[in-house]
Full PDB file with SEQRES, HELIX, SHEET, SSBOND, CRYST1, ORIGX, SCALE, CONECT and MASTER records, all heavy atoms in Angstrom:
SEQRES   1 A   41  VAL THR ALA ALA LEU LEU VAL GLY TYR ILE PRO GLN PHE          
SEQRES   2 A   41  LEU ARG ALA ARG GLY LEU SER GLN GLN LEU ASP ALA THR          
SEQRES   3 A   41  ARG GLN ILE LEU GLN SER CYS GLN ALA ARG THR ARG GLU          
SEQRES   4 A   41  ALA GLU                                                      
HELIX    1 AA1 THR A    2  ALA A   40  1                                  39    
CRYST1    1.000    1.000    1.000  90.00  90.00  90.00 P 1           1          
ORIGX1      1.000000  0.000000  0.000000        0.00000                         
ORIGX2      0.000000  1.000000  0.000000        0.00000                         
ORIGX3      0.000000  0.000000  1.000000        0.00000                         
SCALE1      1.000000  0.000000  0.000000        0.00000                         
SCALE2      0.000000  1.000000  0.000000        0.00000                         
SCALE3      0.000000  0.000000  1.000000        0.00000                         
ATOM      1  N   VAL A   1      41.436 -27.446  -9.329  1.00  0.00           N  
ATOM      2  CA  VAL A   1      42.618 -26.685  -9.921  1.00  0.00           C  
ATOM      3  C   VAL A   1      42.462 -25.194  -9.929  1.00  0.00           C  
ATOM      4  O   VAL A   1      43.361 -24.468  -9.691  1.00  0.00           O  
ATOM      5  CB  VAL A   1      42.982 -27.299 -11.200  1.00  0.00           C  
ATOM      6  CG1 VAL A   1      43.931 -26.513 -11.969  1.00  0.00           C  
ATOM      7  CG2 VAL A   1      43.431 -28.740 -11.157  1.00  0.00           C  
ATOM      8  N   THR A   2      41.272 -24.736 -10.375  1.00  0.00           N  
ATOM      9  CA  THR A   2      40.987 -23.317 -10.496  1.00  0.00           C  
ATOM     10  C   THR A   2      41.093 -22.682  -9.200  1.00  0.00           C  
ATOM     11  O   THR A   2      41.719 -21.612  -9.054  1.00  0.00           O  
ATOM     12  CB  THR A   2      39.644 -23.033 -11.176  1.00  0.00           C  
ATOM     13  OG1 THR A   2      39.566 -23.724 -12.369  1.00  0.00           O  
ATOM     14  CG2 THR A   2      39.354 -21.701 -11.231  1.00  0.00           C  
ATOM     15  N   ALA A   3      40.501 -23.236  -8.157  1.00  0.00           N  
ATOM     16  CA  ALA A   3      40.613 -22.746  -6.802  1.00  0.00           C  
ATOM     17  C   ALA A   3      42.091 -22.678  -6.372  1.00  0.00           C  
ATOM     18  O   ALA A   3      42.457 -21.764  -5.679  1.00  0.00           O  
ATOM     19  CB  ALA A   3      39.795 -23.611  -5.805  1.00  0.00           C  
ATOM     20  N   ALA A   4      42.847 -23.690  -6.555  1.00  0.00           N  
ATOM     21  CA  ALA A   4      44.282 -23.656  -6.218  1.00  0.00           C  
ATOM     22  C   ALA A   4      44.961 -22.521  -6.804  1.00  0.00           C  
ATOM     23  O   ALA A   4      45.806 -21.864  -6.255  1.00  0.00           O  
ATOM     24  CB  ALA A   4      44.916 -25.033  -6.421  1.00  0.00           C  
ATOM     25  N   LEU A   5      44.765 -22.267  -8.126  1.00  0.00           N  
ATOM     26  CA  LEU A   5      45.492 -21.231  -8.802  1.00  0.00           C  
ATOM     27  C   LEU A   5      45.025 -19.885  -8.243  1.00  0.00           C  
ATOM     28  O   LEU A   5      45.839 -19.047  -8.144  1.00  0.00           O  
ATOM     29  CB  LEU A   5      45.055 -21.311 -10.355  1.00  0.00           C  
ATOM     30  CG  LEU A   5      45.748 -22.513 -11.140  1.00  0.00           C  
ATOM     31  CD1 LEU A   5      45.200 -22.620 -12.556  1.00  0.00           C  
ATOM     32  CD2 LEU A   5      47.320 -22.348 -11.229  1.00  0.00           C  
ATOM     33  N   LEU A   6      43.758 -19.699  -7.987  1.00  0.00           N  
ATOM     34  CA  LEU A   6      43.284 -18.444  -7.441  1.00  0.00           C  
ATOM     35  C   LEU A   6      43.889 -18.239  -6.097  1.00  0.00           C  
ATOM     36  O   LEU A   6      44.314 -17.106  -5.804  1.00  0.00           O  
ATOM     37  CB  LEU A   6      41.755 -18.397  -7.405  1.00  0.00           C  
ATOM     38  CG  LEU A   6      41.046 -18.283  -8.738  1.00  0.00           C  
ATOM     39  CD1 LEU A   6      39.630 -18.233  -8.570  1.00  0.00           C  
ATOM     40  CD2 LEU A   6      41.449 -16.986  -9.428  1.00  0.00           C  
ATOM     41  N   VAL A   7      43.938 -19.231  -5.299  1.00  0.00           N  
ATOM     42  CA  VAL A   7      44.565 -19.078  -3.932  1.00  0.00           C  
ATOM     43  C   VAL A   7      45.952 -18.631  -4.019  1.00  0.00           C  
ATOM     44  O   VAL A   7      46.412 -17.843  -3.222  1.00  0.00           O  
ATOM     45  CB  VAL A   7      44.488 -20.480  -3.175  1.00  0.00           C  
ATOM     46  CG1 VAL A   7      45.355 -20.384  -1.870  1.00  0.00           C  
ATOM     47  CG2 VAL A   7      42.936 -20.681  -2.711  1.00  0.00           C  
ATOM     48  N   GLY A   8      46.676 -19.074  -4.963  1.00  0.00           N  
ATOM     49  CA  GLY A   8      48.098 -18.614  -5.206  1.00  0.00           C  
ATOM     50  C   GLY A   8      48.178 -17.317  -5.909  1.00  0.00           C  
ATOM     51  O   GLY A   8      49.132 -16.499  -5.620  1.00  0.00           O  
ATOM     52  N   TYR A   9      47.271 -17.050  -6.814  1.00  0.00           N  
ATOM     53  CA  TYR A   9      47.361 -15.828  -7.570  1.00  0.00           C  
ATOM     54  C   TYR A   9      46.871 -14.600  -6.786  1.00  0.00           C  
ATOM     55  O   TYR A   9      47.641 -13.478  -7.006  1.00  0.00           O  
ATOM     56  CB  TYR A   9      46.560 -15.919  -8.857  1.00  0.00           C  
ATOM     57  CG  TYR A   9      46.373 -14.758  -9.690  1.00  0.00           C  
ATOM     58  CD1 TYR A   9      47.449 -14.312 -10.515  1.00  0.00           C  
ATOM     59  CD2 TYR A   9      45.194 -13.930  -9.685  1.00  0.00           C  
ATOM     60  CE1 TYR A   9      47.308 -13.226 -11.231  1.00  0.00           C  
ATOM     61  CE2 TYR A   9      45.210 -12.796 -10.506  1.00  0.00           C  
ATOM     62  CZ  TYR A   9      46.199 -12.408 -11.317  1.00  0.00           C  
ATOM     63  OH  TYR A   9      46.104 -11.311 -11.923  1.00  0.00           O  
ATOM     64  N   ILE A  10      45.785 -14.637  -6.146  1.00  0.00           N  
ATOM     65  CA  ILE A  10      45.187 -13.512  -5.497  1.00  0.00           C  
ATOM     66  C   ILE A  10      46.184 -12.706  -4.546  1.00  0.00           C  
ATOM     67  O   ILE A  10      46.316 -11.541  -4.645  1.00  0.00           O  
ATOM     68  CB  ILE A  10      43.905 -13.779  -4.895  1.00  0.00           C  
ATOM     69  CG1 ILE A  10      42.879 -14.092  -5.960  1.00  0.00           C  
ATOM     70  CG2 ILE A  10      43.284 -12.708  -4.002  1.00  0.00           C  
ATOM     71  CD1 ILE A  10      41.466 -14.674  -5.432  1.00  0.00           C  
ATOM     72  N   PRO A  11      46.752 -13.405  -3.563  1.00  0.00           N  
ATOM     73  CA  PRO A  11      47.792 -12.871  -2.648  1.00  0.00           C  
ATOM     74  C   PRO A  11      48.909 -12.103  -3.465  1.00  0.00           C  
ATOM     75  O   PRO A  11      49.330 -10.971  -3.175  1.00  0.00           O  
ATOM     76  CB  PRO A  11      48.204 -13.838  -1.724  1.00  0.00           C  
ATOM     77  CG  PRO A  11      47.304 -14.990  -1.901  1.00  0.00           C  
ATOM     78  CD  PRO A  11      46.635 -14.921  -3.234  1.00  0.00           C  
ATOM     79  N   GLN A  12      49.459 -12.768  -4.495  1.00  0.00           N  
ATOM     80  CA  GLN A  12      50.443 -12.182  -5.294  1.00  0.00           C  
ATOM     81  C   GLN A  12      49.999 -10.833  -6.036  1.00  0.00           C  
ATOM     82  O   GLN A  12      50.620  -9.844  -6.059  1.00  0.00           O  
ATOM     83  CB  GLN A  12      51.034 -13.201  -6.290  1.00  0.00           C  
ATOM     84  CG  GLN A  12      51.842 -14.387  -5.551  1.00  0.00           C  
ATOM     85  CD  GLN A  12      52.989 -13.779  -4.714  1.00  0.00           C  
ATOM     86  OE1 GLN A  12      53.720 -12.862  -5.235  1.00  0.00           O  
ATOM     87  NE2 GLN A  12      53.320 -14.350  -3.637  1.00  0.00           N  
ATOM     88  N   PHE A  13      48.853 -10.981  -6.537  1.00  0.00           N  
ATOM     89  CA  PHE A  13      48.185  -9.830  -7.174  1.00  0.00           C  
ATOM     90  C   PHE A  13      48.154  -8.678  -6.314  1.00  0.00           C  
ATOM     91  O   PHE A  13      48.342  -7.467  -6.681  1.00  0.00           O  
ATOM     92  CB  PHE A  13      46.887 -10.151  -7.797  1.00  0.00           C  
ATOM     93  CG  PHE A  13      46.132  -9.063  -8.349  1.00  0.00           C  
ATOM     94  CD1 PHE A  13      46.528  -8.483  -9.599  1.00  0.00           C  
ATOM     95  CD2 PHE A  13      45.074  -8.519  -7.740  1.00  0.00           C  
ATOM     96  CE1 PHE A  13      45.782  -7.353 -10.150  1.00  0.00           C  
ATOM     97  CE2 PHE A  13      44.338  -7.342  -8.128  1.00  0.00           C  
ATOM     98  CZ  PHE A  13      44.733  -6.803  -9.458  1.00  0.00           C  
ATOM     99  N   LEU A  14      47.599  -8.994  -5.094  1.00  0.00           N  
ATOM    100  CA  LEU A  14      47.259  -7.841  -4.116  1.00  0.00           C  
ATOM    101  C   LEU A  14      48.542  -7.342  -3.712  1.00  0.00           C  
ATOM    102  O   LEU A  14      48.756  -6.093  -3.506  1.00  0.00           O  
ATOM    103  CB  LEU A  14      46.504  -8.251  -2.863  1.00  0.00           C  
ATOM    104  CG  LEU A  14      45.007  -8.812  -3.176  1.00  0.00           C  
ATOM    105  CD1 LEU A  14      44.410  -9.428  -1.935  1.00  0.00           C  
ATOM    106  CD2 LEU A  14      44.183  -7.635  -3.721  1.00  0.00           C  
ATOM    107  N   ARG A  15      49.613  -8.135  -3.516  1.00  0.00           N  
ATOM    108  CA  ARG A  15      50.890  -7.676  -3.102  1.00  0.00           C  
ATOM    109  C   ARG A  15      51.567  -6.791  -4.232  1.00  0.00           C  
ATOM    110  O   ARG A  15      52.075  -5.644  -3.921  1.00  0.00           O  
ATOM    111  CB  ARG A  15      51.925  -8.848  -2.816  1.00  0.00           C  
ATOM    112  CG  ARG A  15      53.221  -8.429  -2.396  1.00  0.00           C  
ATOM    113  CD  ARG A  15      54.059  -9.709  -1.848  1.00  0.00           C  
ATOM    114  NE  ARG A  15      55.381  -9.337  -1.475  1.00  0.00           N  
ATOM    115  CZ  ARG A  15      56.470  -9.458  -2.281  1.00  0.00           C  
ATOM    116  NH1 ARG A  15      56.342  -9.948  -3.517  1.00  0.00           N  
ATOM    117  NH2 ARG A  15      57.592  -8.944  -1.841  1.00  0.00           N  
ATOM    118  N   ALA A  16      51.462  -7.218  -5.421  1.00  0.00           N  
ATOM    119  CA  ALA A  16      52.006  -6.478  -6.500  1.00  0.00           C  
ATOM    120  C   ALA A  16      51.286  -5.121  -6.702  1.00  0.00           C  
ATOM    121  O   ALA A  16      51.860  -4.083  -6.915  1.00  0.00           O  
ATOM    122  CB  ALA A  16      51.765  -7.265  -7.842  1.00  0.00           C  
ATOM    123  N   ARG A  17      49.876  -5.080  -6.422  1.00  0.00           N  
ATOM    124  CA  ARG A  17      49.153  -3.821  -6.594  1.00  0.00           C  
ATOM    125  C   ARG A  17      49.714  -2.898  -5.455  1.00  0.00           C  
ATOM    126  O   ARG A  17      49.861  -1.712  -5.746  1.00  0.00           O  
ATOM    127  CB  ARG A  17      47.627  -4.077  -6.484  1.00  0.00           C  
ATOM    128  CG  ARG A  17      46.944  -2.804  -6.729  1.00  0.00           C  
ATOM    129  CD  ARG A  17      45.497  -3.172  -6.929  1.00  0.00           C  
ATOM    130  NE  ARG A  17      44.918  -3.589  -5.555  1.00  0.00           N  
ATOM    131  CZ  ARG A  17      43.596  -3.821  -5.338  1.00  0.00           C  
ATOM    132  NH1 ARG A  17      42.756  -3.710  -6.339  1.00  0.00           N  
ATOM    133  NH2 ARG A  17      43.358  -4.200  -4.150  1.00  0.00           N  
ATOM    134  N   GLY A  18      49.781  -3.447  -4.195  1.00  0.00           N  
ATOM    135  CA  GLY A  18      50.385  -2.491  -3.072  1.00  0.00           C  
ATOM    136  C   GLY A  18      51.633  -1.981  -3.467  1.00  0.00           C  
ATOM    137  O   GLY A  18      51.939  -0.793  -3.182  1.00  0.00           O  
ATOM    138  N   LEU A  19      52.630  -2.834  -3.926  1.00  0.00           N  
ATOM    139  CA  LEU A  19      53.950  -2.383  -4.313  1.00  0.00           C  
ATOM    140  C   LEU A  19      53.939  -1.346  -5.420  1.00  0.00           C  
ATOM    141  O   LEU A  19      54.625  -0.337  -5.404  1.00  0.00           O  
ATOM    142  CB  LEU A  19      54.736  -3.511  -4.661  1.00  0.00           C  
ATOM    143  CG  LEU A  19      55.157  -4.530  -3.559  1.00  0.00           C  
ATOM    144  CD1 LEU A  19      55.970  -5.709  -4.183  1.00  0.00           C  
ATOM    145  CD2 LEU A  19      56.031  -3.798  -2.550  1.00  0.00           C  
ATOM    146  N   SER A  20      52.999  -1.503  -6.314  1.00  0.00           N  
ATOM    147  CA  SER A  20      52.848  -0.523  -7.478  1.00  0.00           C  
ATOM    148  C   SER A  20      52.436   0.803  -6.852  1.00  0.00           C  
ATOM    149  O   SER A  20      52.943   1.951  -7.275  1.00  0.00           O  
ATOM    150  CB  SER A  20      51.929  -1.044  -8.472  1.00  0.00           C  
ATOM    151  OG  SER A  20      51.639  -0.098  -9.488  1.00  0.00           O  
ATOM    152  N   GLN A  21      51.476   0.806  -5.985  1.00  0.00           N  
ATOM    153  CA  GLN A  21      51.046   2.055  -5.343  1.00  0.00           C  
ATOM    154  C   GLN A  21      52.147   2.731  -4.500  1.00  0.00           C  
ATOM    155  O   GLN A  21      52.300   3.960  -4.498  1.00  0.00           O  
ATOM    156  CB  GLN A  21      49.857   1.788  -4.468  1.00  0.00           C  
ATOM    157  CG  GLN A  21      48.614   1.501  -5.222  1.00  0.00           C  
ATOM    158  CD  GLN A  21      47.446   0.951  -4.326  1.00  0.00           C  
ATOM    159  OE1 GLN A  21      47.605   0.660  -3.127  1.00  0.00           O  
ATOM    160  NE2 GLN A  21      46.314   0.856  -4.842  1.00  0.00           N  
ATOM    161  N   GLN A  22      52.964   1.888  -3.838  1.00  0.00           N  
ATOM    162  CA  GLN A  22      54.138   2.445  -3.120  1.00  0.00           C  
ATOM    163  C   GLN A  22      55.130   3.051  -4.109  1.00  0.00           C  
ATOM    164  O   GLN A  22      55.686   4.143  -3.745  1.00  0.00           O  
ATOM    165  CB  GLN A  22      54.859   1.398  -2.226  1.00  0.00           C  
ATOM    166  CG  GLN A  22      54.050   1.048  -1.014  1.00  0.00           C  
ATOM    167  CD  GLN A  22      54.742  -0.140  -0.292  1.00  0.00           C  
ATOM    168  OE1 GLN A  22      55.655  -0.821  -0.806  1.00  0.00           O  
ATOM    169  NE2 GLN A  22      54.287  -0.428   0.956  1.00  0.00           N  
ATOM    170  N   LEU A  23      55.370   2.408  -5.276  1.00  0.00           N  
ATOM    171  CA  LEU A  23      56.301   2.937  -6.209  1.00  0.00           C  
ATOM    172  C   LEU A  23      55.832   4.294  -6.784  1.00  0.00           C  
ATOM    173  O   LEU A  23      56.573   5.245  -6.978  1.00  0.00           O  
ATOM    174  CB  LEU A  23      56.469   1.901  -7.315  1.00  0.00           C  
ATOM    175  CG  LEU A  23      57.427   2.196  -8.436  1.00  0.00           C  
ATOM    176  CD1 LEU A  23      58.875   2.569  -7.850  1.00  0.00           C  
ATOM    177  CD2 LEU A  23      57.364   1.107  -9.489  1.00  0.00           C  
ATOM    178  N   ASP A  24      54.440   4.344  -7.004  1.00  0.00           N  
ATOM    179  CA  ASP A  24      53.988   5.593  -7.506  1.00  0.00           C  
ATOM    180  C   ASP A  24      54.158   6.697  -6.477  1.00  0.00           C  
ATOM    181  O   ASP A  24      54.417   7.801  -6.866  1.00  0.00           O  
ATOM    182  CB  ASP A  24      52.381   5.488  -7.744  1.00  0.00           C  
ATOM    183  CG  ASP A  24      52.195   4.648  -9.077  1.00  0.00           C  
ATOM    184  OD1 ASP A  24      53.121   4.458  -9.899  1.00  0.00           O  
ATOM    185  OD2 ASP A  24      51.076   4.224  -9.231  1.00  0.00           O  
ATOM    186  N   ALA A  25      53.830   6.392  -5.218  1.00  0.00           N  
ATOM    187  CA  ALA A  25      54.090   7.467  -4.145  1.00  0.00           C  
ATOM    188  C   ALA A  25      55.505   7.891  -4.086  1.00  0.00           C  
ATOM    189  O   ALA A  25      55.875   9.028  -3.929  1.00  0.00           O  
ATOM    190  CB  ALA A  25      53.519   6.888  -2.896  1.00  0.00           C  
ATOM    191  N   THR A  26      56.412   6.873  -4.236  1.00  0.00           N  
ATOM    192  CA  THR A  26      57.842   7.150  -4.114  1.00  0.00           C  
ATOM    193  C   THR A  26      58.276   7.992  -5.364  1.00  0.00           C  
ATOM    194  O   THR A  26      59.168   9.054  -5.126  1.00  0.00           O  
ATOM    195  CB  THR A  26      58.585   5.876  -4.071  1.00  0.00           C  
ATOM    196  OG1 THR A  26      58.235   5.063  -2.962  1.00  0.00           O  
ATOM    197  CG2 THR A  26      60.211   6.124  -3.944  1.00  0.00           C  
ATOM    198  N   ARG A  27      57.715   7.830  -6.429  1.00  0.00           N  
ATOM    199  CA  ARG A  27      58.100   8.577  -7.685  1.00  0.00           C  
ATOM    200  C   ARG A  27      57.586  10.050  -7.511  1.00  0.00           C  
ATOM    201  O   ARG A  27      58.309  10.929  -7.806  1.00  0.00           O  
ATOM    202  CB  ARG A  27      57.438   8.022  -8.907  1.00  0.00           C  
ATOM    203  CG  ARG A  27      58.125   6.820  -9.371  1.00  0.00           C  
ATOM    204  CD  ARG A  27      57.568   6.250 -10.652  1.00  0.00           C  
ATOM    205  NE  ARG A  27      58.388   5.216 -11.197  1.00  0.00           N  
ATOM    206  CZ  ARG A  27      57.717   4.129 -11.728  1.00  0.00           C  
ATOM    207  NH1 ARG A  27      56.426   4.010 -11.895  1.00  0.00           N  
ATOM    208  NH2 ARG A  27      58.421   3.065 -12.195  1.00  0.00           N  
ATOM    209  N   GLN A  28      56.451  10.291  -6.894  1.00  0.00           N  
ATOM    210  CA  GLN A  28      55.933  11.537  -6.697  1.00  0.00           C  
ATOM    211  C   GLN A  28      56.856  12.252  -5.720  1.00  0.00           C  
ATOM    212  O   GLN A  28      57.184  13.514  -5.814  1.00  0.00           O  
ATOM    213  CB  GLN A  28      54.579  11.630  -6.243  1.00  0.00           C  
ATOM    214  CG  GLN A  28      53.589  11.184  -7.230  1.00  0.00           C  
ATOM    215  CD  GLN A  28      52.101  11.062  -6.656  1.00  0.00           C  
ATOM    216  OE1 GLN A  28      51.923  11.019  -5.386  1.00  0.00           O  
ATOM    217  NE2 GLN A  28      51.183  10.974  -7.525  1.00  0.00           N  
ATOM    218  N   ILE A  29      57.315  11.640  -4.528  1.00  0.00           N  
ATOM    219  CA  ILE A  29      58.268  12.229  -3.703  1.00  0.00           C  
ATOM    220  C   ILE A  29      59.499  12.655  -4.311  1.00  0.00           C  
ATOM    221  O   ILE A  29      60.189  13.652  -4.206  1.00  0.00           O  
ATOM    222  CB  ILE A  29      58.431  11.305  -2.451  1.00  0.00           C  
ATOM    223  CG1 ILE A  29      57.144  11.251  -1.669  1.00  0.00           C  
ATOM    224  CG2 ILE A  29      59.539  11.789  -1.658  1.00  0.00           C  
ATOM    225  CD1 ILE A  29      57.136  10.007  -0.564  1.00  0.00           C  
ATOM    226  N   LEU A  30      60.027  11.736  -5.147  1.00  0.00           N  
ATOM    227  CA  LEU A  30      61.375  11.934  -5.896  1.00  0.00           C  
ATOM    228  C   LEU A  30      61.161  13.088  -6.808  1.00  0.00           C  
ATOM    229  O   LEU A  30      61.983  13.996  -6.800  1.00  0.00           O  
ATOM    230  CB  LEU A  30      61.578  10.684  -6.698  1.00  0.00           C  
ATOM    231  CG  LEU A  30      62.807  10.853  -7.680  1.00  0.00           C  
ATOM    232  CD1 LEU A  30      64.122  11.070  -6.805  1.00  0.00           C  
ATOM    233  CD2 LEU A  30      63.117   9.566  -8.433  1.00  0.00           C  
ATOM    234  N   GLN A  31      60.069  13.170  -7.514  1.00  0.00           N  
ATOM    235  CA  GLN A  31      59.841  14.436  -8.371  1.00  0.00           C  
ATOM    236  C   GLN A  31      59.833  15.691  -7.622  1.00  0.00           C  
ATOM    237  O   GLN A  31      60.452  16.713  -8.035  1.00  0.00           O  
ATOM    238  CB  GLN A  31      58.554  14.181  -9.266  1.00  0.00           C  
ATOM    239  CG  GLN A  31      58.672  13.183 -10.270  1.00  0.00           C  
ATOM    240  CD  GLN A  31      57.431  12.856 -11.004  1.00  0.00           C  
ATOM    241  OE1 GLN A  31      56.369  13.298 -10.616  1.00  0.00           O  
ATOM    242  NE2 GLN A  31      57.442  12.137 -12.134  1.00  0.00           N  
ATOM    243  N   SER A  32      59.193  15.647  -6.493  1.00  0.00           N  
ATOM    244  CA  SER A  32      59.128  16.854  -5.579  1.00  0.00           C  
ATOM    245  C   SER A  32      60.508  17.213  -5.155  1.00  0.00           C  
ATOM    246  O   SER A  32      60.887  18.392  -5.197  1.00  0.00           O  
ATOM    247  CB  SER A  32      58.149  16.622  -4.422  1.00  0.00           C  
ATOM    248  OG  SER A  32      58.248  17.575  -3.559  1.00  0.00           O  
ATOM    249  N   CYS A  33      61.309  16.220  -4.759  1.00  0.00           N  
ATOM    250  CA  CYS A  33      62.649  16.545  -4.172  1.00  0.00           C  
ATOM    251  C   CYS A  33      63.550  16.935  -5.326  1.00  0.00           C  
ATOM    252  O   CYS A  33      64.358  17.893  -5.185  1.00  0.00           O  
ATOM    253  CB  CYS A  33      63.226  15.267  -3.628  1.00  0.00           C  
ATOM    254  SG  CYS A  33      62.539  14.736  -2.125  1.00  0.00           S  
ATOM    255  N   GLN A  34      63.383  16.494  -6.584  1.00  0.00           N  
ATOM    256  CA  GLN A  34      64.117  17.004  -7.642  1.00  0.00           C  
ATOM    257  C   GLN A  34      63.776  18.411  -8.081  1.00  0.00           C  
ATOM    258  O   GLN A  34      64.704  19.207  -8.326  1.00  0.00           O  
ATOM    259  CB  GLN A  34      63.991  16.009  -8.938  1.00  0.00           C  
ATOM    260  CG  GLN A  34      64.566  14.694  -8.725  1.00  0.00           C  
ATOM    261  CD  GLN A  34      64.212  13.790  -9.902  1.00  0.00           C  
ATOM    262  OE1 GLN A  34      63.074  13.748 -10.456  1.00  0.00           O  
ATOM    263  NE2 GLN A  34      65.058  12.884 -10.191  1.00  0.00           N  
ATOM    264  N   ALA A  35      62.520  18.761  -7.971  1.00  0.00           N  
ATOM    265  CA  ALA A  35      62.131  20.182  -8.186  1.00  0.00           C  
ATOM    266  C   ALA A  35      62.840  21.087  -7.140  1.00  0.00           C  
ATOM    267  O   ALA A  35      63.189  22.177  -7.481  1.00  0.00           O  
ATOM    268  CB  ALA A  35      60.641  20.304  -8.249  1.00  0.00           C  
ATOM    269  N   ARG A  36      62.699  20.661  -5.870  1.00  0.00           N  
ATOM    270  CA  ARG A  36      63.291  21.506  -4.920  1.00  0.00           C  
ATOM    271  C   ARG A  36      64.776  21.600  -5.095  1.00  0.00           C  
ATOM    272  O   ARG A  36      65.321  22.750  -4.724  1.00  0.00           O  
ATOM    273  CB  ARG A  36      62.950  20.929  -3.445  1.00  0.00           C  
ATOM    274  CG  ARG A  36      61.434  21.158  -3.117  1.00  0.00           C  
ATOM    275  CD  ARG A  36      61.225  20.578  -1.752  1.00  0.00           C  
ATOM    276  NE  ARG A  36      59.856  20.805  -1.377  1.00  0.00           N  
ATOM    277  CZ  ARG A  36      59.316  20.629  -0.209  1.00  0.00           C  
ATOM    278  NH1 ARG A  36      60.169  20.240   0.814  1.00  0.00           N  
ATOM    279  NH2 ARG A  36      58.109  20.871   0.013  1.00  0.00           N  
ATOM    280  N   THR A  37      65.452  20.575  -5.449  1.00  0.00           N  
ATOM    281  CA  THR A  37      66.863  20.544  -5.699  1.00  0.00           C  
ATOM    282  C   THR A  37      67.136  21.649  -6.819  1.00  0.00           C  
ATOM    283  O   THR A  37      68.168  22.365  -6.705  1.00  0.00           O  
ATOM    284  CB  THR A  37      67.467  19.245  -6.077  1.00  0.00           C  
ATOM    285  OG1 THR A  37      67.137  18.399  -4.915  1.00  0.00           O  
ATOM    286  CG2 THR A  37      68.927  19.273  -6.353  1.00  0.00           C  
ATOM    287  N   ARG A  38      66.465  21.639  -7.917  1.00  0.00           N  
ATOM    288  CA  ARG A  38      66.621  22.472  -9.004  1.00  0.00           C  
ATOM    289  C   ARG A  38      66.532  23.888  -8.622  1.00  0.00           C  
ATOM    290  O   ARG A  38      67.212  24.893  -8.810  1.00  0.00           O  
ATOM    291  CB  ARG A  38      65.645  22.185 -10.132  1.00  0.00           C  
ATOM    292  CG  ARG A  38      66.002  20.942 -10.952  1.00  0.00           C  
ATOM    293  CD  ARG A  38      65.206  20.835 -12.185  1.00  0.00           C  
ATOM    294  NE  ARG A  38      63.750  20.707 -11.961  1.00  0.00           N  
ATOM    295  CZ  ARG A  38      63.197  19.452 -11.746  1.00  0.00           C  
ATOM    296  NH1 ARG A  38      63.813  18.358 -11.797  1.00  0.00           N  
ATOM    297  NH2 ARG A  38      61.829  19.494 -11.559  1.00  0.00           N  
ATOM    298  N   GLU A  39      65.356  24.183  -7.674  1.00  0.00           N  
ATOM    299  CA  GLU A  39      65.152  25.600  -7.187  1.00  0.00           C  
ATOM    300  C   GLU A  39      66.301  25.963  -6.267  1.00  0.00           C  
ATOM    301  O   GLU A  39      66.733  27.082  -6.434  1.00  0.00           O  
ATOM    302  CB  GLU A  39      63.898  25.560  -6.397  1.00  0.00           C  
ATOM    303  CG  GLU A  39      62.660  25.345  -7.197  1.00  0.00           C  
ATOM    304  CD  GLU A  39      61.352  25.254  -6.273  1.00  0.00           C  
ATOM    305  OE1 GLU A  39      61.457  25.754  -5.144  1.00  0.00           O  
ATOM    306  OE2 GLU A  39      60.345  24.829  -6.829  1.00  0.00           O  
ATOM    307  N   ALA A  40      66.847  25.028  -5.471  1.00  0.00           N  
ATOM    308  CA  ALA A  40      67.962  25.365  -4.595  1.00  0.00           C  
ATOM    309  C   ALA A  40      69.268  25.684  -5.422  1.00  0.00           C  
ATOM    310  O   ALA A  40      69.960  26.637  -5.104  1.00  0.00           O  
ATOM    311  CB  ALA A  40      68.231  24.175  -3.590  1.00  0.00           C  
ATOM    312  N   GLU A  41      69.482  24.943  -6.477  1.00  0.00           N  
ATOM    313  CA  GLU A  41      70.670  25.091  -7.398  1.00  0.00           C  
ATOM    314  C   GLU A  41      70.486  26.569  -7.960  1.00  0.00           C  
ATOM    315  O   GLU A  41      71.621  27.325  -8.116  1.00  0.00           O  
ATOM    316  CB  GLU A  41      70.746  24.126  -8.421  1.00  0.00           C  
ATOM    317  CG  GLU A  41      71.175  22.807  -7.971  1.00  0.00           C  
ATOM    318  CD  GLU A  41      71.125  21.692  -9.012  1.00  0.00           C  
ATOM    319  OE1 GLU A  41      70.512  21.926 -10.093  1.00  0.00           O  
ATOM    320  OE2 GLU A  41      71.569  20.542  -8.695  1.00  0.00           O  
TER     321      GLU A  41                                                      
MASTER        0    0    0    1    0    0    0    6  320    1    0    4          
END                                                                             
């Protein structure tokens, strides 16, 4: 049962961690774009 739970949990955990990193990178890009927009305004 423990092995079955880990087999289901680990891929989802890795996927969630990858998506979290992508989200952080996207937020940084968004902040940079917002700063450039303020400068342009």
